[in-house]
Amino acid sequence: MSIAGDLIRGHTDAIILARLLRSDSYGYEINKVISTLSGGRFELKEATLYTSFKRLEETGCIVSYWGGNGPGARRRYYSITPTGRQTCRRLLGEWQETKDIMDKLLEVEEET
């Protein structure tokens, strides 16, 4: 069973910020982790991912830099800022509140 993208898409910024709380990373790696953690049931489209990076950078939540000086292509890495940490806490709180409401709204009593 795959997860409907619409259920998660509105939380893209929170997902990215939560991943960056763990360590700096680049787009492909973040998407790979999302896919792995969701058991392959969810993956961000590249356009969605990079639009979110741009929005988060413009609002001061993340900064980017070029890395990967070894063999192979250089990558643009992203790092969370203090503003991003604060935003992440707020978004995670909003997610928890939404989840709590949905759990209550979708609760079904078994017929006897």
Protein backbone atom coordinates (compact mmCIF):
# COMPACT_ATOMS: atom_id res chain seq x y z
CA MET A 1 0.00 0.00 0.00
CA SER A 2 1.49 3.34 -0.98
CA ILE A 3 0.97 6.54 0.95
CA ALA A 4 -1.01 9.19 -0.88
CA GLY A 5 1.37 12.03 -1.63
CA ASP A 6 -1.28 14.63 -0.79
CA LEU A 7 -1.30 13.45 2.83
CA ILE A 8 2.40 14.16 3.23
CA ARG A 9 3.22 16.83 0.64
CA GLY A 10 2.08 19.68 2.90
CA HIS A 11 4.74 18.63 5.40
CA THR A 12 7.73 18.65 3.04
CA ASP A 13 9.48 21.50 4.86
CA ALA A 14 9.09 19.74 8.22
CA ILE A 15 10.45 16.48 6.76
CA ILE A 16 13.49 18.21 5.28
CA LEU A 17 14.22 20.21 8.42
CA ALA A 18 13.89 17.10 10.59
CA ARG A 19 16.42 15.29 8.38
CA LEU A 20 18.81 18.25 8.55
CA LEU A 21 18.60 18.30 12.35
CA ARG A 22 20.56 15.04 12.20
CA SER A 23 23.29 16.28 9.86
CA ASP A 24 24.01 18.36 6.79
CA SER A 25 22.95 16.60 3.63
CA TYR A 26 22.21 17.00 -0.08
CA GLY A 27 19.00 16.51 -2.04
CA TYR A 28 19.50 13.00 -3.40
CA GLU A 29 20.61 11.69 0.00
CA ILE A 30 17.62 13.24 1.78
CA ASN A 31 15.21 11.75 -0.76
CA LYS A 32 16.90 8.36 -0.44
CA VAL A 33 16.47 8.45 3.36
CA ILE A 34 12.80 9.44 2.98
CA SER A 35 12.24 6.52 0.63
CA THR A 36 14.08 4.10 2.93
CA LEU A 37 12.30 5.23 6.10
CA SER A 38 8.91 5.01 4.39
CA GLY A 39 9.67 1.50 3.12
CA GLY A 40 9.66 2.80 -0.45
CA ARG A 41 6.11 4.08 -0.12
CA PHE A 42 6.97 7.77 -0.35
CA GLU A 43 9.46 9.78 -2.34
CA LEU A 44 9.53 13.48 -3.05
CA LYS A 45 9.54 14.61 -6.64
CA GLU A 46 12.77 16.41 -7.49
CA ALA A 47 10.92 19.64 -8.30
CA THR A 48 9.08 19.53 -4.95
CA LEU A 49 12.31 18.86 -3.06
CA TYR A 50 14.28 21.69 -4.65
CA THR A 51 11.38 24.14 -4.44
CA SER A 52 11.27 23.43 -0.72
CA PHE A 53 15.05 23.91 -0.42
CA LYS A 54 14.73 27.29 -2.17
CA ARG A 55 11.84 28.37 0.08
CA LEU A 56 13.67 27.25 3.23
CA GLU A 57 16.82 29.06 2.15
CA GLU A 58 14.91 32.28 1.35
CA THR A 59 13.30 32.25 4.82
CA GLY A 60 16.65 31.69 6.54
CA CYS A 61 15.84 28.18 7.75
CA ILE A 62 18.73 26.57 5.88
CA VAL A 63 21.95 27.58 4.16
CA SER A 64 23.66 25.78 1.32
CA TYR A 65 27.28 25.21 0.41
CA TRP A 66 29.25 23.21 -2.11
CA GLY A 67 30.88 20.02 -0.87
CA GLY A 68 32.37 16.81 -2.16
CA ASN A 69 35.89 17.82 -3.06
CA GLY A 70 36.90 14.20 -3.65
CA PRO A 71 36.46 12.28 -6.88
CA GLY A 72 33.05 12.63 -8.50
CA ALA A 73 30.60 15.46 -8.79
CA ARG A 74 30.42 18.29 -6.30
CA ARG A 75 27.18 18.44 -4.38
CA ARG A 76 25.17 21.26 -2.90
CA TYR A 77 24.79 20.51 0.81
CA TYR A 78 22.19 22.03 3.08
CA SER A 79 22.58 22.92 6.74
CA ILE A 80 19.89 23.94 9.21
CA THR A 81 20.16 27.35 10.89
CA PRO A 82 18.93 28.42 14.35
CA THR A 83 15.83 29.85 12.61
CA GLY A 84 15.37 26.48 10.91
CA ARG A 85 15.58 24.65 14.25
CA GLN A 86 12.88 26.93 15.67
CA THR A 87 10.74 26.48 12.55
CA CYS A 88 11.19 22.72 12.71
CA ARG A 89 9.98 22.62 16.34
CA ARG A 90 6.93 24.69 15.35
CA LEU A 91 6.14 22.50 12.32
CA LEU A 92 6.54 19.30 14.33
CA GLY A 93 4.13 20.70 16.92
CA GLU A 94 1.64 21.53 14.16
CA TRP A 95 2.04 18.00 12.76
CA GLN A 96 1.39 16.45 16.18
CA GLU A 97 -1.70 18.61 16.66
CA THR A 98 -2.98 17.66 13.18
CA LYS A 99 -2.29 13.98 13.85
CA ASP A 100 -4.15 14.13 17.17
CA ILE A 101 -7.17 15.76 15.51
CA MET A 102 -7.17 13.23 12.64
CA ASP A 103 -6.91 10.32 15.08
CA LYS A 104 -10.02 11.61 16.87
CA LEU A 105 -11.94 12.33 13.67
CA LEU A 106 -11.18 8.93 12.17
CA GLU A 107 -11.84 6.91 15.30
CA VAL A 108 -14.49 4.30 14.61
CA GLU A 109 -16.41 2.34 17.20
CA GLU A 110 -16.84 -1.32 16.39
CA GLU A 111 -20.42 -2.45 15.96
CA THR A 112 -21.51 -5.15 18.38
